[in-house]
Structures are given as C-alpha cells and as structure tokens.
Amino acid sequence: MGSSASQEDQVPLLKDNEEIQPIFEELKLVLIGSQGAGKNTIANAILKEKAFTFWTSYKSVHIKKTCTVSGTQIHLTRTPGWRGDLSRSEQTKQEIVHCVQSLYSSGPHAILLALKVNAVLSESNINTLENLLTVQLWKHTIVLFTYGEKLGGYNIEDYIRCQQLQPLIKKCGERYFVIRNNDSNQIIETIQELVARKNSAYYFKLSAQTEVNNTLLSDWRRLVERIKSKIASLSAFKENLLSNPNTQNNHSLKRLLDLKDAEIKRLNDIVEEKEREIERLRSRYSRTQELDLSGLHRRIKELEDQLDTMSSELEGKNTENKILEKQVKEKDAKIEELKTELQMQQQKAIDWRTHDDQNAAVHAGYLSELCQDVSVVAIRSQTQIQLQALPSKALLGWSDTLLKILNELSDEDLEKIKYFLFWNTTKYGICRSSAEHKNRVKLADQMLKQWGEEQSVLNTRDLVKNIPRNDDAMRELFEPYLKSIGETW
C-alpha cells in the first residue's frame, strides 16, 4: 500500500481484479461540493488517473469525463464549487441543476457530496440544495469525506457525532466514505456498493420522482443478479488465489484474501437486504393489484347494472314512442283535414267581401258550423283552431296592408316573426313545416286563411311588437284597423 514490496510480495495478483465482474456495467455520477472540498481528489481517485488538475479547480462550468475502471464505464461530472452561501451563486446553482437534470438522459446513479473534514455544510446550503433538487436528492446522495488523515485519533463515526452531522448522514441513508492521503484503493467498489444499497430507483430524475413498484422490482431483481454474479466471480478469484502455492507465505496475498472475504460478506448482506425489500415490494404490489382488480370488478358490475337499467328504460321509451308516433300521425291527419276545410271556408268568406248586406248572416252561420267541427278533436295535446270574425267594411284593404307590413320588415325581422309563430303553435296554430320556407306573399295569405282578418290584425300587431318594431310608420299602418275593432297599439 504505497510502501516497497519484497520479492515475495511481487507475485502477480491474477491480473489484479480483471476477472471479477463489477456490480454495474455503467455508472453515472455527479460530484458536487464547495470550493476546496477536494472534488478533484475524489474524481481522480474514482477514475484512477489525473483527469482533473489545479487548472480545472476554479472553472465556473461543469467538467465531464468518461473512463472504464475495473470493468465499469464511469461517466463522472464535476460541478463548479461554491464559496460561502450557495444561494447567492446563481451560475453554480444553474450548473448543478443542469448536470443532474439534463446531462444524463436517464439521470445519474448517485450524487457525490464532497465534504472536507473539519468543514461543515451549513443549514442554509442544505436548504438551497433541497430547493434546487428536491428532498429526493438525499435518497441518491453519498457523502465523501476528504482529507481523512486530519481525523487524527478519531474515527469517522466520532467525528460525525462531534460535528453534529448525524441529520445529514441520516438523510443520505448512512451512505458515506472517507478518503485518506489520496488513497484511491477500493473507492469505486465502495461507491458501487453504496449505490446498490439505495432503497430507491436506479436513477435520480427531477422530472419523475414517483417510483413505480413494478419498475423498482425489475431494477432490484437485475441488481441482485449482478451482485450474485460478482460474488461468484469473487469466490472463483479466491479459489485461484488459494491455489497459488505462495499465498500462505505472501502477506500481500493473504491481506487481499481477507479483503475479498470482507467484500463477499458485504455483498451477501446487500443481497439479503435487497431480497427482503423485493419480497416486501412484491407483496405490496400484489396487494395493490388485487385491490385494483377488486375495484375494477365492482366497477364492471356497477356498469352492467346501469346498462340493464338503461336497456329496460329504453325498451319502455321505445314502446311509449311508438304509441306517441301513432297518436301524432292520427292528429296530423285530422289537422290537415280541418285545415283544408278551414281554407275552403275562408276562401268563400273572401269572395263575399263585396256583399255587404249578407256579411252578418254568413258570419253567424259559418262560425257555428266550424266551431262544431273543431270541438270534436284535440289538436296536438291542446291545440284548437279558432275561427275568427269574417271581414267587415272597416277591414277592407287589410290583406294589402298586411303584405305591406311584411314587406316593411327586414329579412332578419321576418325570420323572427316565423320563429315566434313556430314556437307558439298553441296561440298561432301555424306549424313549422307549412310556413318555414314561404315568401312574404304566401305567408300573408296563410295568416289570413289561418286567423281571419280581425284576429290576423291582433296577432300581427303582437308579432311586430315582439320583434320589436314600435316605430311611428309601423303604428300608422295598424292604426285604422285596430281602431275599427276597438283595439289600440
């Protein structure tokens, strides 16, 4: 370990660790920390090369390096450091967020927080990091203590208690590591083990904090298989080491053997822990699926019941509709019959306008006859055809005036007249199909035939006022006829 070795210690160590399978084939890491925290030292120790130098220490932008170490392709990004209060360093904050959120499409496996021994991470800076990266940050953070030689006679646990760092370490799931005298041995293996111990998703993504049970199960199962493969390769490595005749007398080989035993034990602990988590998560996922299926079955049953009810109601409606359709057809036929009769009588009344002496007798006779005919049927629920008084001398010329009134109206006003007619058939007795597409001449003719002259004066007045058209010109057209029948505007 940095000291000179005897000839006995110079036996090749089975090509170092080349035949040992790593836990991760690829590892994406983001390194953050204040200025002077030792980020370059950590980065070089991880990559096992002088990738970061003094000249990169004070750059205000991130630096990304990629290197393969012990079979793992490592993508390491070192963010610029902050001095004092991080909340005041806008560019550094933007760089940290960019490296975590955008630099890796899947997000990093871990955030490495460099913390120099005898330095502290202020509560303000902790809050700033949480505001930037959310509290989910700590589920993916590993604290790396640099300059561990300054601990002196203290171990790291005593130091953490003394500096009151327990809340931070607890936030990070007890994931921390100490680097002493730039010692890079085992750092990448330790980081891989700490990443494997995370009880969260593989990657840290700001845009997707919700962990889906099924995805976690799949990720953790693959992770357990990778760890078991590494344990198998470590065991094979040990067997090869033990078969070396120089092992018993070579202190370096014996120490390496002890280190591999300790590593196998740690990995077995991780496997046991992960398998317990997998079983717990599988049970929770199964219960969730059962609840979802149960709820789905209930919902299907509710929908089926609703469908049955709606089908029954629809069947009843169809029967009711058929009855109503039959009644409507019968009433339509009767209405058409009465309309024909009424039109014939009105035509006769118009022909008799010049016979002044016969108006009263004709009026009384036809009014009595038509009222008897109309009273025998209910037209469309409560519609009745009302025969109006036959023309008098005072109403002579009303048909021409009615046409003049309609011509005075704009197309828009005429449409309004038709609208009031169609939607108040009870009062006016003119249906949509018989008048909708008629011009002014035909509409005037139908109004006279339907209402008679006196009632047509009143109905037309009401319709014109509803438009509204209350101007003097319009009133002058109506005035003589209203006066003659004892009505006003």
Protein backbone atom coordinates (compact mmCIF):
# COMPACT_ATOMS: atom_id res chain seq x y z
CA MET A 1 0.00 0.00 0.00
CA GLY A 2 2.45 2.66 -1.16
CA SER A 3 5.50 1.10 0.59
CA SER A 4 8.25 -1.01 -1.05
CA ALA A 5 7.44 -4.70 -1.53
CA SER A 6 9.72 -7.73 -1.05
CA GLN A 7 10.38 -10.19 -3.86
CA GLU A 8 7.94 -12.50 -2.09
CA ASP A 9 5.22 -9.87 -2.38
CA GLN A 10 5.72 -9.35 -6.07
CA VAL A 11 3.73 -12.41 -7.19
CA PRO A 12 1.18 -11.28 -9.81
CA LEU A 13 -2.30 -10.93 -8.24
CA LEU A 14 -4.11 -12.78 -11.01
CA LYS A 15 -4.07 -9.71 -13.26
CA ASP A 16 -5.41 -7.58 -10.41
CA ASN A 17 -9.22 -7.71 -10.50
CA GLU A 18 -9.75 -8.09 -14.24
CA GLU A 19 -11.71 -11.36 -13.94
CA ILE A 20 -14.04 -10.02 -11.20
CA GLN A 21 -17.39 -8.86 -12.56
CA PRO A 22 -18.44 -5.38 -11.37
CA ILE A 23 -21.90 -4.69 -9.92
CA PHE A 24 -22.62 -2.05 -12.56
CA GLU A 25 -21.52 -2.11 -16.18
CA GLU A 26 -22.08 1.64 -16.32
CA LEU A 27 -22.13 4.27 -13.58
CA LYS A 28 -23.25 7.90 -13.97
CA LEU A 29 -22.10 10.19 -11.17
CA VAL A 30 -22.40 13.92 -10.41
CA LEU A 31 -19.84 15.37 -7.98
CA ILE A 32 -20.81 18.50 -6.01
CA GLY A 33 -19.19 20.42 -3.16
CA SER A 34 -17.80 23.75 -2.05
CA GLN A 35 -14.51 25.18 -3.29
CA GLY A 36 -11.57 23.44 -1.66
CA ALA A 37 -13.65 20.41 -0.59
CA GLY A 38 -11.43 18.05 -2.61
CA LYS A 39 -13.63 17.35 -5.62
CA ASN A 40 -10.59 16.92 -7.91
CA THR A 41 -9.05 14.47 -5.45
CA ILE A 42 -12.22 12.39 -5.39
CA ALA A 43 -12.65 12.50 -9.18
CA ASN A 44 -9.05 11.38 -9.81
CA ALA A 45 -9.38 8.62 -7.20
CA ILE A 46 -12.52 7.30 -8.87
CA LEU A 47 -11.12 7.45 -12.40
CA LYS A 48 -7.65 6.28 -11.25
CA GLU A 49 -5.97 8.91 -13.40
CA LYS A 50 -5.07 12.60 -13.22
CA ALA A 51 -8.10 13.73 -15.17
CA PHE A 52 -8.66 16.82 -13.00
CA THR A 53 -5.85 19.25 -12.17
CA PHE A 54 -5.31 22.52 -10.35
CA TRP A 55 -6.27 24.40 -13.51
CA THR A 56 -9.76 22.88 -13.51
CA SER A 57 -10.45 23.75 -9.86
CA TYR A 58 -11.80 27.24 -10.43
CA LYS A 59 -13.71 26.77 -13.67
CA SER A 60 -17.23 28.18 -13.47
CA VAL A 61 -18.74 25.41 -15.63
CA HIS A 62 -19.02 21.67 -15.19
CA ILE A 63 -16.41 19.21 -16.49
CA LYS A 64 -17.40 15.73 -17.64
CA LYS A 65 -15.01 12.76 -18.02
CA THR A 66 -15.65 9.17 -19.09
CA CYS A 67 -13.34 6.29 -18.23
CA THR A 68 -13.54 2.49 -17.77
CA VAL A 69 -12.37 1.36 -14.31
CA SER A 70 -12.38 -2.31 -13.19
CA GLY A 71 -14.86 -3.24 -15.91
CA THR A 72 -17.26 -0.36 -15.21
CA GLN A 73 -17.70 2.53 -17.63
CA ILE A 74 -17.82 5.61 -15.41
CA HIS A 75 -19.30 8.93 -16.51
CA LEU A 76 -18.22 11.49 -13.92
CA THR A 77 -19.31 15.14 -13.95
CA ARG A 78 -17.67 17.60 -11.57
CA THR A 79 -19.76 20.73 -10.97
CA PRO A 80 -18.15 24.08 -10.09
CA GLY A 81 -17.77 24.64 -6.34
CA TRP A 82 -19.40 27.35 -4.30
CA ARG A 83 -17.86 29.65 -1.73
CA GLY A 84 -19.82 30.55 1.39
CA ASP A 85 -23.56 30.77 0.80
CA LEU A 86 -24.63 28.66 -2.22
CA SER A 87 -27.94 30.53 -2.53
CA ARG A 88 -26.03 33.62 -3.75
CA SER A 89 -24.16 31.78 -6.53
CA GLU A 90 -26.69 31.72 -9.38
CA GLN A 91 -24.37 30.25 -12.02
CA THR A 92 -23.25 27.42 -9.74
CA LYS A 93 -26.88 26.59 -8.90
CA GLN A 94 -27.77 26.52 -12.60
CA GLU A 95 -24.83 24.23 -13.34
CA ILE A 96 -25.80 21.81 -10.54
CA VAL A 97 -29.40 21.59 -11.76
CA HIS A 98 -28.27 21.17 -15.38
CA CYS A 99 -25.85 18.34 -14.52
CA VAL A 100 -28.49 16.46 -12.51
CA GLN A 101 -31.49 17.12 -14.72
CA SER A 102 -30.24 17.34 -18.30
CA LEU A 103 -26.74 15.96 -18.69
CA TYR A 104 -27.79 12.30 -18.47
CA SER A 105 -30.99 11.27 -20.24
CA SER A 106 -31.82 8.69 -17.57
CA GLY A 107 -30.46 10.76 -14.68
CA PRO A 108 -27.35 9.96 -12.55
CA HIS A 109 -27.00 6.85 -10.37
CA ALA A 110 -25.75 8.96 -7.47
CA ILE A 111 -24.86 12.46 -6.29
CA LEU A 112 -21.43 12.54 -4.64
CA LEU A 113 -21.24 15.27 -1.98
CA ALA A 114 -17.63 16.19 -1.20
CA LEU A 115 -17.23 17.33 2.39
CA LYS A 116 -13.86 18.28 3.79
CA VAL A 117 -13.01 17.04 7.27
CA ASN A 118 -13.17 19.96 9.76
CA ALA A 119 -15.60 21.77 7.41
CA VAL A 120 -19.35 21.92 7.74
CA LEU A 121 -22.28 22.04 5.34
CA SER A 122 -24.44 24.88 6.62
CA GLU A 123 -28.17 24.50 7.11
CA SER A 124 -28.65 27.29 4.55
CA ASN A 125 -26.72 25.34 1.89
CA ILE A 126 -28.64 22.15 2.73
CA ASN A 127 -31.91 24.03 2.20
CA THR A 128 -30.63 25.53 -1.05
CA LEU A 129 -29.73 22.07 -2.39
CA GLU A 130 -33.16 20.77 -1.42
CA ASN A 131 -34.83 23.71 -3.17
CA LEU A 132 -32.77 23.05 -6.29
CA LEU A 133 -33.01 19.26 -6.41
CA THR A 134 -35.97 18.46 -4.08
CA VAL A 135 -35.72 16.41 -0.87
CA GLN A 136 -35.50 13.28 -3.08
CA LEU A 137 -31.88 14.34 -3.59
CA TRP A 138 -30.78 12.65 -0.33
CA LYS A 139 -32.10 9.22 -1.44
CA HIS A 140 -29.37 9.25 -4.08
CA THR A 141 -26.55 11.08 -2.24
CA ILE A 142 -23.26 9.62 -0.97
CA VAL A 143 -21.15 11.80 1.36
CA LEU A 144 -17.41 11.55 0.65
CA PHE A 145 -15.21 12.94 3.44
CA THR A 146 -11.88 14.19 2.09
CA TYR A 147 -8.60 14.76 3.94
CA GLY A 148 -9.43 11.89 6.31
CA GLU A 149 -5.91 11.98 7.71
CA LYS A 150 -6.91 15.10 9.63
CA LEU A 151 -9.19 12.98 11.81
CA GLY A 152 -6.14 12.05 13.88
CA GLY A 153 -7.14 9.61 16.59
CA TYR A 154 -10.89 9.99 15.89
CA ASN A 155 -12.81 7.53 13.78
CA ILE A 156 -15.33 8.90 11.31
CA GLU A 157 -18.34 7.97 13.49
CA ASP A 158 -16.94 10.00 16.41
CA TYR A 159 -16.30 12.90 14.06
CA ILE A 160 -19.87 12.80 12.70
CA ARG A 161 -21.28 12.91 16.23
CA CYS A 162 -18.90 15.66 17.32
CA GLN A 163 -19.71 17.87 14.31
CA GLN A 164 -23.45 17.13 14.65
CA LEU A 165 -23.60 15.72 11.14
CA GLN A 166 -25.97 12.88 12.08
CA PRO A 167 -29.05 14.59 10.49
CA LEU A 168 -27.24 14.97 7.16
CA ILE A 169 -25.86 11.42 7.22
CA LYS A 170 -29.30 10.08 8.15
CA LYS A 171 -30.84 11.99 5.24
CA CYS A 172 -28.36 10.19 2.97
CA GLY A 173 -29.28 6.74 4.29
CA GLU A 174 -25.96 6.34 6.20
CA ARG A 175 -24.05 6.29 2.88
CA TYR A 176 -20.61 7.84 3.47
CA PHE A 177 -16.94 7.09 2.84
CA VAL A 178 -13.59 8.54 3.98
CA ILE A 179 -10.62 9.22 1.70
CA ARG A 180 -7.20 9.48 3.38
CA ASN A 181 -3.95 10.67 1.81
CA ASN A 182 -5.39 10.48 -1.71
CA ASP A 183 -5.86 6.73 -1.21
CA SER A 184 -7.91 5.55 -4.18
CA ASN A 185 -7.98 1.83 -3.35
CA GLN A 186 -11.48 0.34 -3.23
CA ILE A 187 -13.20 3.72 -3.76
CA ILE A 188 -15.07 2.70 -6.91
CA GLU A 189 -16.07 -0.66 -5.38
CA THR A 190 -17.31 1.15 -2.26
CA ILE A 191 -19.31 3.65 -4.34
CA GLN A 192 -20.89 0.79 -6.29
CA GLU A 193 -21.86 -0.95 -3.04
CA LEU A 194 -23.32 2.27 -1.61
CA VAL A 195 -25.31 2.85 -4.80
CA ALA A 196 -26.56 -0.75 -4.62
CA ARG A 197 -27.77 -0.16 -1.04
CA LYS A 198 -30.15 2.62 -2.10
CA ASN A 199 -33.78 1.79 -1.34
CA SER A 200 -34.93 3.81 -4.32
CA ALA A 201 -34.85 3.78 -8.10
CA TYR A 202 -31.63 3.27 -10.07
CA TYR A 203 -31.52 6.85 -11.30
CA PHE A 204 -32.27 10.28 -9.85
CA LYS A 205 -34.61 12.29 -12.10
CA LEU A 206 -36.09 15.64 -11.10
CA SER A 207 -38.96 15.22 -13.56
CA ALA A 208 -40.09 11.80 -12.29
CA GLN A 209 -39.93 11.43 -8.52
CA THR A 210 -42.75 8.86 -8.31
CA GLU A 211 -41.35 5.34 -8.01
CA VAL A 212 -43.46 2.68 -9.72
CA ASN A 213 -43.48 -0.60 -7.81
CA ASN A 214 -43.23 -2.75 -10.91
CA THR A 215 -40.21 -0.80 -12.22
CA LEU A 216 -38.43 -0.98 -8.86
CA LEU A 217 -38.99 -4.74 -8.69
CA SER A 218 -37.50 -5.22 -12.14
CA ASP A 219 -34.48 -2.97 -11.36
CA TRP A 220 -33.77 -4.58 -7.99
CA ARG A 221 -34.02 -8.11 -9.37
CA ARG A 222 -31.46 -7.29 -12.06
CA LEU A 223 -29.27 -5.69 -9.39
CA VAL A 224 -29.42 -8.81 -7.19
CA GLU A 225 -28.45 -10.97 -10.16
CA ARG A 226 -25.47 -8.70 -10.88
CA ILE A 227 -24.35 -8.81 -7.23
CA LYS A 228 -24.66 -12.61 -7.13
CA SER A 229 -22.58 -12.80 -10.31
CA LYS A 230 -19.93 -10.63 -8.67
CA ILE A 231 -19.97 -12.82 -5.54
CA ALA A 232 -19.46 -15.88 -7.78
CA SER A 233 -16.54 -14.22 -9.57
CA LEU A 234 -15.03 -13.16 -6.21
CA SER A 235 -15.32 -16.73 -4.96
CA ALA A 236 -13.61 -18.02 -8.10
CA PHE A 237 -10.95 -15.35 -7.65
CA LYS A 238 -10.39 -16.59 -4.08
CA GLU A 239 -10.09 -20.20 -5.24
CA ASN A 240 -7.45 -19.21 -7.76
CA LEU A 241 -5.70 -17.22 -5.06
CA LEU A 242 -5.73 -20.14 -2.62
CA SER A 243 -4.38 -22.48 -5.28
CA ASN A 244 -1.30 -20.29 -5.56
CA PRO A 245 1.47 -22.04 -3.55
CA ASN A 246 2.90 -18.68 -2.47
CA THR A 247 -0.32 -17.48 -0.86
CA GLN A 248 0.42 -18.75 2.66
CA ASN A 249 3.79 -17.02 2.78
CA ASN A 250 2.82 -13.85 0.94
CA HIS A 251 1.43 -11.23 3.29
CA SER A 252 0.02 -9.13 0.45
CA LEU A 253 -1.89 -12.10 -0.96
CA LYS A 254 -3.19 -13.04 2.48
CA ARG A 255 -4.36 -9.46 3.05
CA LEU A 256 -6.02 -9.44 -0.37
CA LEU A 257 -7.76 -12.68 0.53
CA ASP A 258 -9.09 -11.10 3.73
CA LEU A 259 -10.31 -8.06 1.79
CA LYS A 260 -12.18 -10.28 -0.67
CA ASP A 261 -13.78 -12.22 2.20
CA ALA A 262 -14.96 -8.95 3.72
CA GLU A 263 -16.28 -7.78 0.33
CA ILE A 264 -18.16 -11.06 -0.20
CA LYS A 265 -19.75 -10.67 3.24
CA ARG A 266 -20.83 -7.10 2.48
CA LEU A 267 -22.28 -8.14 -0.87
CA ASN A 268 -24.16 -11.04 0.72
CA ASP A 269 -25.61 -8.58 3.23
CA ILE A 270 -26.75 -6.35 0.35
CA VAL A 271 -28.32 -9.34 -1.41
CA GLU A 272 -30.21 -10.35 1.74
CA GLU A 273 -31.38 -6.79 2.29
CA LYS A 274 -32.48 -6.39 -1.34
CA GLU A 275 -34.28 -9.72 -1.38
CA ARG A 276 -36.22 -8.68 1.73
CA GLU A 277 -37.08 -5.38 0.03
CA ILE A 278 -38.07 -7.22 -3.15
CA GLU A 279 -40.37 -9.52 -1.20
CA ARG A 280 -41.89 -6.59 0.68
CA LEU A 281 -42.38 -4.63 -2.51
CA ARG A 282 -43.75 -7.69 -4.35
CA SER A 283 -46.30 -8.28 -1.59
CA ARG A 284 -47.33 -4.63 -1.64
CA TYR A 285 -47.54 -4.68 -5.43
CA SER A 286 -49.64 -7.87 -5.34
CA ARG A 287 -52.00 -6.36 -2.77
CA THR A 288 -52.27 -3.21 -4.86
CA GLN A 289 -53.07 -5.28 -7.95
CA GLU A 290 -55.66 -7.29 -6.00
CA LEU A 291 -57.27 -4.09 -4.76
CA ASP A 292 -57.21 -2.66 -8.27
CA LEU A 293 -58.76 -5.83 -9.71
CA SER A 294 -61.37 -5.92 -6.96
CA GLY A 295 -62.26 -2.30 -7.62
CA LEU A 296 -62.34 -2.98 -11.35
CA HIS A 297 -64.73 -5.92 -10.87
CA ARG A 298 -67.01 -3.75 -8.73
CA ARG A 299 -66.97 -1.03 -11.34
CA ILE A 300 -67.77 -3.52 -14.11
CA LYS A 301 -70.69 -4.87 -12.06
CA GLU A 302 -71.97 -1.33 -11.47
CA LEU A 303 -71.75 -0.55 -15.17
CA GLU A 304 -73.52 -3.80 -16.08
CA ASP A 305 -76.34 -2.97 -13.64
CA GLN A 306 -76.59 0.52 -15.09
CA LEU A 307 -76.68 -0.95 -18.60
CA ASP A 308 -79.51 -3.32 -17.64
CA THR A 309 -81.48 -0.43 -16.12
CA MET A 310 -80.90 1.75 -19.16
CA SER A 311 -81.91 -1.09 -21.50
CA SER A 312 -85.17 -1.57 -19.60
CA GLU A 313 -85.85 2.15 -19.64
CA LEU A 314 -85.02 2.33 -23.34
CA GLU A 315 -87.39 -0.53 -24.10
CA GLY A 316 -90.16 1.28 -22.23
CA LYS A 317 -89.35 4.52 -24.04
CA ASN A 318 -89.44 2.76 -27.41
CA THR A 319 -92.91 1.40 -26.66
CA GLU A 320 -94.08 4.80 -25.47
CA ASN A 321 -92.58 6.48 -28.54
CA LYS A 322 -94.41 4.11 -30.88
CA ILE A 323 -97.74 4.94 -29.19
CA LEU A 324 -96.99 8.66 -29.38
CA GLU A 325 -95.95 8.41 -33.02
CA LYS A 326 -99.26 6.72 -33.85
CA GLN A 327 -101.22 9.42 -31.99
CA VAL A 328 -99.26 12.16 -33.73
CA LYS A 329 -99.96 10.69 -37.16
CA GLU A 330 -103.67 10.47 -36.39
CA LYS A 331 -103.77 14.06 -35.17
CA ASP A 332 -101.71 15.27 -38.13
CA ALA A 333 -104.23 13.68 -40.47
CA LYS A 334 -107.14 15.32 -38.63
CA ILE A 335 -105.34 18.68 -38.60
CA GLU A 336 -104.79 18.54 -42.35
CA GLU A 337 -108.45 17.66 -42.86
CA LEU A 338 -109.58 20.61 -40.75
CA LYS A 339 -107.09 22.96 -42.41
CA THR A 340 -108.46 22.04 -45.80
CA GLU A 341 -111.99 22.69 -44.61
CA LEU A 342 -110.98 25.96 -42.97
CA GLN A 343 -109.18 27.17 -46.09
CA MET A 344 -112.25 26.47 -48.17
CA GLN A 345 -114.47 28.43 -45.77
CA GLN A 346 -112.02 31.37 -45.61
CA GLN A 347 -111.85 31.49 -49.39
CA LYS A 348 -115.62 31.70 -49.52
CA ALA A 349 -115.54 34.50 -46.93
CA ILE A 350 -113.03 36.48 -49.03
CA ASP A 351 -115.24 36.08 -52.09
CA TRP A 352 -118.15 37.56 -50.15
CA ARG A 353 -116.43 40.80 -49.20
CA THR A 354 -118.41 42.81 -51.78
CA HIS A 355 -121.73 41.51 -50.49
CA ASP A 356 -122.15 43.88 -47.54
CA ASP A 357 -125.75 43.01 -46.76
CA GLN A 358 -125.00 39.27 -46.40
CA ASN A 359 -121.90 39.51 -44.14
CA ALA A 360 -123.65 39.19 -40.79
CA ALA A 361 -125.76 36.15 -41.74
CA VAL A 362 -122.82 34.37 -43.40
CA HIS A 363 -120.58 35.11 -40.44
CA ALA A 364 -123.03 33.63 -37.89
CA GLY A 365 -123.75 30.51 -39.95
CA TYR A 366 -120.19 29.55 -40.72
CA LEU A 367 -118.89 30.38 -37.29
CA SER A 368 -121.44 27.99 -35.72
CA GLU A 369 -120.68 25.24 -38.23
CA LEU A 370 -116.87 25.43 -37.94
CA CYS A 371 -116.87 25.63 -34.14
CA GLN A 372 -118.88 22.37 -34.01
CA ASP A 373 -116.33 20.64 -36.30
CA VAL A 374 -113.25 21.84 -34.44
CA SER A 375 -114.53 20.94 -30.95
CA VAL A 376 -114.52 17.16 -31.71
CA VAL A 377 -110.73 16.73 -31.71
CA ALA A 378 -107.78 17.86 -29.59
CA ILE A 379 -105.06 19.08 -31.93
CA ARG A 380 -101.51 18.20 -30.70
CA SER A 381 -102.06 17.98 -26.95
CA GLN A 382 -104.13 21.23 -26.52
CA THR A 383 -104.19 22.97 -29.92
CA GLN A 384 -107.56 24.33 -31.08
CA ILE A 385 -108.44 26.00 -34.29
CA GLN A 386 -110.33 29.17 -33.64
CA LEU A 387 -112.38 30.70 -36.36
CA GLN A 388 -112.35 34.43 -36.47
CA ALA A 389 -114.88 37.04 -37.40
CA LEU A 390 -115.44 37.49 -41.08
CA PRO A 391 -114.45 40.78 -42.65
CA SER A 392 -116.34 43.99 -42.12
CA LYS A 393 -116.26 47.19 -44.12
CA ALA A 394 -113.65 48.65 -41.76
CA LEU A 395 -111.21 45.84 -42.57
CA LEU A 396 -111.43 46.20 -46.30
CA GLY A 397 -107.90 46.51 -47.65
CA TRP A 398 -106.31 44.74 -44.66
CA SER A 399 -104.88 41.95 -46.83
CA ASP A 400 -102.92 44.52 -48.87
CA THR A 401 -101.84 46.32 -45.71
CA LEU A 402 -100.68 43.03 -44.17
CA LEU A 403 -98.49 42.33 -47.20
CA LYS A 404 -97.15 45.91 -46.99
CA ILE A 405 -96.29 45.37 -43.30
CA LEU A 406 -94.39 42.17 -44.11
CA ASN A 407 -92.53 43.94 -46.91
CA GLU A 408 -91.55 46.68 -44.46
CA LEU A 409 -89.73 44.09 -42.37
CA SER A 410 -86.10 43.17 -42.97
CA ASP A 411 -85.19 39.54 -43.67
CA GLU A 412 -83.92 39.23 -40.09
CA ASP A 413 -87.19 40.62 -38.67
CA LEU A 414 -89.21 38.26 -40.90
CA GLU A 415 -87.21 35.29 -39.51
CA LYS A 416 -88.06 36.47 -36.00
CA ILE A 417 -91.77 36.56 -36.95
CA LYS A 418 -91.52 32.96 -38.17
CA TYR A 419 -89.63 31.95 -35.01
CA PHE A 420 -92.46 33.32 -32.78
CA LEU A 421 -95.05 31.56 -34.97
CA PHE A 422 -93.34 28.15 -34.84
CA TRP A 423 -92.60 28.15 -31.13
CA ASN A 424 -96.09 29.29 -30.05
CA THR A 425 -98.29 27.00 -32.11
CA THR A 426 -100.79 26.89 -29.27
CA LYS A 427 -101.56 30.56 -29.82
CA TYR A 428 -100.99 30.95 -33.56
CA GLY A 429 -101.76 27.47 -34.92
CA ILE A 430 -99.18 27.65 -37.74
CA CYS A 431 -96.70 24.74 -37.80
CA ARG A 432 -93.09 24.98 -38.95
CA SER A 433 -93.42 22.69 -41.97
CA SER A 434 -96.26 24.71 -43.50
CA ALA A 435 -94.66 28.17 -43.32
CA GLU A 436 -90.89 27.95 -42.83
CA HIS A 437 -89.88 28.43 -46.49
CA LYS A 438 -92.79 30.67 -47.64
CA ASN A 439 -92.14 34.14 -49.01
CA ARG A 440 -93.94 37.26 -47.79
CA VAL A 441 -96.93 36.93 -50.17
CA LYS A 442 -97.62 33.30 -49.31
CA LEU A 443 -97.06 33.92 -45.60
CA ALA A 444 -99.60 36.81 -45.64
CA ASP A 445 -102.07 34.59 -47.42
CA GLN A 446 -101.66 31.80 -44.90
CA MET A 447 -102.01 34.21 -41.95
CA LEU A 448 -105.33 35.47 -43.36
CA LYS A 449 -106.59 31.97 -44.04
CA GLN A 450 -105.48 30.67 -40.63
CA TRP A 451 -106.72 33.54 -38.42
CA GLY A 452 -109.25 35.52 -40.38
CA GLU A 453 -108.91 39.26 -40.87
CA GLU A 454 -109.77 40.59 -37.40
CA GLN A 455 -107.61 38.09 -35.50
CA SER A 456 -104.79 38.49 -38.04
CA VAL A 457 -104.72 42.23 -37.20
CA LEU A 458 -104.25 41.45 -33.50
CA ASN A 459 -101.77 38.58 -34.00
CA THR A 460 -99.69 40.54 -36.49
CA ARG A 461 -99.59 43.51 -34.10
CA ASP A 462 -98.33 41.25 -31.27
CA LEU A 463 -95.71 39.65 -33.50
CA VAL A 464 -94.41 43.00 -34.81
CA LYS A 465 -94.18 44.40 -31.26
CA ASN A 466 -92.17 41.31 -30.16
CA ILE A 467 -89.52 41.89 -32.84
CA PRO A 468 -89.69 44.77 -31.71
CA ARG A 469 -90.87 47.29 -34.32
CA ASN A 470 -92.59 50.13 -32.43
CA ASP A 471 -91.79 52.98 -34.81
CA ASP A 472 -94.42 55.56 -35.95
CA ALA A 473 -94.50 54.30 -39.53
CA MET A 474 -95.46 50.83 -38.40
CA ARG A 475 -98.07 52.17 -35.97
CA GLU A 476 -99.69 54.23 -38.73
CA LEU A 477 -100.20 51.09 -40.83
CA PHE A 478 -102.02 49.34 -37.98
CA GLU A 479 -103.93 52.30 -36.50
CA PRO A 480 -107.11 52.33 -38.76
CA TYR A 481 -107.69 48.59 -38.40
CA LEU A 482 -107.07 48.47 -34.65
CA LYS A 483 -109.47 51.38 -34.15
CA SER A 484 -112.18 49.68 -36.22
CA ILE A 485 -112.15 46.60 -33.98
CA GLY A 486 -111.90 48.56 -30.73
CA GLU A 487 -108.19 47.85 -30.07
CA THR A 488 -105.13 50.06 -29.67
CA TRP A 489 -101.45 49.63 -30.37
